[in-house]
Amino acid sequence: MPATVSLSAVANTLKANSSRWVHEHINDADDFSWQEGYGAFSVSKSAEARVVEYIRGQKEHHRKRDFKEEFVALLKKHKIDYDEKYLWG
């Protein structure tokens, strides 16, 4: 991501384009929409393979621990202050 582009602009573009794609290519996705807001974390090149594997196994992984639990654990692990009232809209 170029330094001249804000993270919010990238998130907005990603959400708009992926939402359009879902509605054009997935049957029965009429009720699909993104929640307001976003969370973003950077990943070093050295961790890329682990992230790819995580994404590939995400469906199975989230059967054991849902997204909300995992996201809060990630915030805590990295000592990121948060107010839960802003997390889930």
C-alpha atoms as a PDB file:
ATOM      1  CA  MET A   1       0.000   0.000   0.000  1.00  0.00           C
ATOM      2  CA  PRO A   2       1.572   3.318  -0.974  1.00  0.00           C
ATOM      3  CA  ALA A   3       2.216   5.760   1.860  1.00  0.00           C
ATOM      4  CA  THR A   4       0.139   8.357   0.001  1.00  0.00           C
ATOM      5  CA  VAL A   5      -3.059   6.316   0.364  1.00  0.00           C
ATOM      6  CA  SER A   6      -4.881   6.301   3.693  1.00  0.00           C
ATOM      7  CA  LEU A   7      -5.856   3.058   5.352  1.00  0.00           C
ATOM      8  CA  SER A   8      -9.481   4.212   5.458  1.00  0.00           C
ATOM      9  CA  ALA A   9      -9.449   4.732   1.666  1.00  0.00           C
ATOM     10  CA  VAL A  10      -8.056   1.233   1.129  1.00  0.00           C
ATOM     11  CA  ALA A  11     -10.645  -0.304   3.484  1.00  0.00           C
ATOM     12  CA  ASN A  12     -13.457   1.593   1.768  1.00  0.00           C
ATOM     13  CA  THR A  13     -12.337   0.506  -1.702  1.00  0.00           C
ATOM     14  CA  LEU A  14     -11.806  -3.103  -0.610  1.00  0.00           C
ATOM     15  CA  LYS A  15     -15.228  -3.311   1.025  1.00  0.00           C
ATOM     16  CA  ALA A  16     -17.025  -1.673  -1.916  1.00  0.00           C
ATOM     17  CA  ASN A  17     -15.367  -3.811  -4.577  1.00  0.00           C
ATOM     18  CA  SER A  18     -15.659  -7.091  -2.673  1.00  0.00           C
ATOM     19  CA  SER A  19     -19.309  -6.389  -1.853  1.00  0.00           C
ATOM     20  CA  ARG A  20     -20.013  -5.728  -5.533  1.00  0.00           C
ATOM     21  CA  TRP A  21     -18.230  -8.965  -6.473  1.00  0.00           C
ATOM     22  CA  VAL A  22     -20.204 -10.997  -3.920  1.00  0.00           C
ATOM     23  CA  HIS A  23     -23.528  -9.626  -5.185  1.00  0.00           C
ATOM     24  CA  GLU A  24     -22.573 -10.308  -8.814  1.00  0.00           C
ATOM     25  CA  HIS A  25     -21.132 -13.823  -8.340  1.00  0.00           C
ATOM     26  CA  ILE A  26     -22.694 -15.498  -5.296  1.00  0.00           C
ATOM     27  CA  ASN A  27     -26.253 -16.802  -5.408  1.00  0.00           C
ATOM     28  CA  ASP A  28     -28.429 -16.012  -2.387  1.00  0.00           C
ATOM     29  CA  ALA A  29     -26.135 -13.214  -1.183  1.00  0.00           C
ATOM     30  CA  ASP A  30     -28.770 -10.491  -1.287  1.00  0.00           C
ATOM     31  CA  ASP A  31     -28.398  -9.836   2.421  1.00  0.00           C
ATOM     32  CA  PHE A  32     -24.570  -9.670   2.363  1.00  0.00           C
ATOM     33  CA  SER A  33     -23.062  -6.438   3.624  1.00  0.00           C
ATOM     34  CA  TRP A  34     -19.981  -5.335   5.519  1.00  0.00           C
ATOM     35  CA  GLN A  35     -20.290  -3.974   9.032  1.00  0.00           C
ATOM     36  CA  GLU A  36     -19.329  -0.359   9.631  1.00  0.00           C
ATOM     37  CA  GLY A  37     -15.685   0.266  10.419  1.00  0.00           C
ATOM     38  CA  TYR A  38     -12.684  -1.990  10.031  1.00  0.00           C
ATOM     39  CA  GLY A  39      -9.633  -3.309  11.817  1.00  0.00           C
ATOM     40  CA  ALA A  40      -6.247  -3.528  10.159  1.00  0.00           C
ATOM     41  CA  PHE A  41      -2.940  -5.058  11.133  1.00  0.00           C
ATOM     42  CA  SER A  42       0.308  -5.076   9.225  1.00  0.00           C
ATOM     43  CA  VAL A  43       2.164  -8.316   8.629  1.00  0.00           C
ATOM     44  CA  SER A  44       5.871  -8.663   7.942  1.00  0.00           C
ATOM     45  CA  LYS A  45       7.015 -10.485   4.812  1.00  0.00           C
ATOM     46  CA  SER A  46       8.621 -13.118   7.028  1.00  0.00           C
ATOM     47  CA  ALA A  47       5.182 -14.023   8.442  1.00  0.00           C
ATOM     48  CA  GLU A  48       3.458 -14.181   5.056  1.00  0.00           C
ATOM     49  CA  ALA A  49       3.371 -18.000   4.788  1.00  0.00           C
ATOM     50  CA  ARG A  50       1.817 -18.322   8.272  1.00  0.00           C
ATOM     51  CA  VAL A  51      -0.846 -15.755   7.394  1.00  0.00           C
ATOM     52  CA  VAL A  52      -1.701 -17.548   4.143  1.00  0.00           C
ATOM     53  CA  GLU A  53      -2.056 -20.836   6.034  1.00  0.00           C
ATOM     54  CA  TYR A  54      -4.226 -19.140   8.651  1.00  0.00           C
ATOM     55  CA  ILE A  55      -6.541 -17.778   5.951  1.00  0.00           C
ATOM     56  CA  ARG A  56      -6.766 -21.166   4.250  1.00  0.00           C
ATOM     57  CA  GLY A  57      -7.787 -22.803   7.521  1.00  0.00           C
ATOM     58  CA  GLN A  58     -10.012 -19.996   8.755  1.00  0.00           C
ATOM     59  CA  LYS A  59     -13.331 -21.764   8.220  1.00  0.00           C
ATOM     60  CA  GLU A  60     -12.245 -24.715  10.352  1.00  0.00           C
ATOM     61  CA  HIS A  61     -10.449 -22.480  12.841  1.00  0.00           C
ATOM     62  CA  HIS A  62     -13.576 -20.381  13.468  1.00  0.00           C
ATOM     63  CA  ARG A  63     -15.569 -23.481  14.368  1.00  0.00           C
ATOM     64  CA  LYS A  64     -13.488 -23.573  17.572  1.00  0.00           C
ATOM     65  CA  ARG A  65     -13.183 -19.847  18.247  1.00  0.00           C
ATOM     66  CA  ASP A  66     -15.405 -17.222  16.644  1.00  0.00           C
ATOM     67  CA  PHE A  67     -14.173 -14.028  15.045  1.00  0.00           C
ATOM     68  CA  LYS A  68     -15.079 -11.792  17.976  1.00  0.00           C
ATOM     69  CA  GLU A  69     -13.183 -13.937  20.477  1.00  0.00           C
ATOM     70  CA  GLU A  70     -10.173 -14.088  18.205  1.00  0.00           C
ATOM     71  CA  PHE A  71     -10.159 -10.369  17.444  1.00  0.00           C
ATOM     72  CA  VAL A  72     -10.292  -9.387  21.129  1.00  0.00           C
ATOM     73  CA  ALA A  73      -7.523 -11.897  21.898  1.00  0.00           C
ATOM     74  CA  LEU A  74      -5.397 -10.328  19.154  1.00  0.00           C
ATOM     75  CA  LEU A  75      -5.960  -6.840  20.562  1.00  0.00           C
ATOM     76  CA  LYS A  76      -5.004  -8.035  24.040  1.00  0.00           C
ATOM     77  CA  LYS A  77      -1.945  -9.960  22.828  1.00  0.00           C
ATOM     78  CA  HIS A  78      -0.563  -6.827  21.182  1.00  0.00           C
ATOM     79  CA  LYS A  79      -1.593  -4.569  24.083  1.00  0.00           C
ATOM     80  CA  ILE A  80      -3.929  -2.482  21.926  1.00  0.00           C
ATOM     81  CA  ASP A  81      -6.351  -0.412  23.995  1.00  0.00           C
ATOM     82  CA  TYR A  82      -9.959  -0.710  22.867  1.00  0.00           C
ATOM     83  CA  ASP A  83     -13.472   0.012  24.005  1.00  0.00           C
ATOM     84  CA  GLU A  84     -15.767  -2.915  23.227  1.00  0.00           C
ATOM     85  CA  LYS A  85     -18.697  -0.578  22.525  1.00  0.00           C
ATOM     86  CA  TYR A  86     -16.874   0.491  19.328  1.00  0.00           C
ATOM     87  CA  LEU A  87     -15.989  -3.007  18.145  1.00  0.00           C
ATOM     88  CA  TRP A  88     -19.258  -4.508  17.020  1.00  0.00           C
ATOM     89  CA  GLY A  89     -21.486  -1.563  16.131  1.00  0.00           C
END
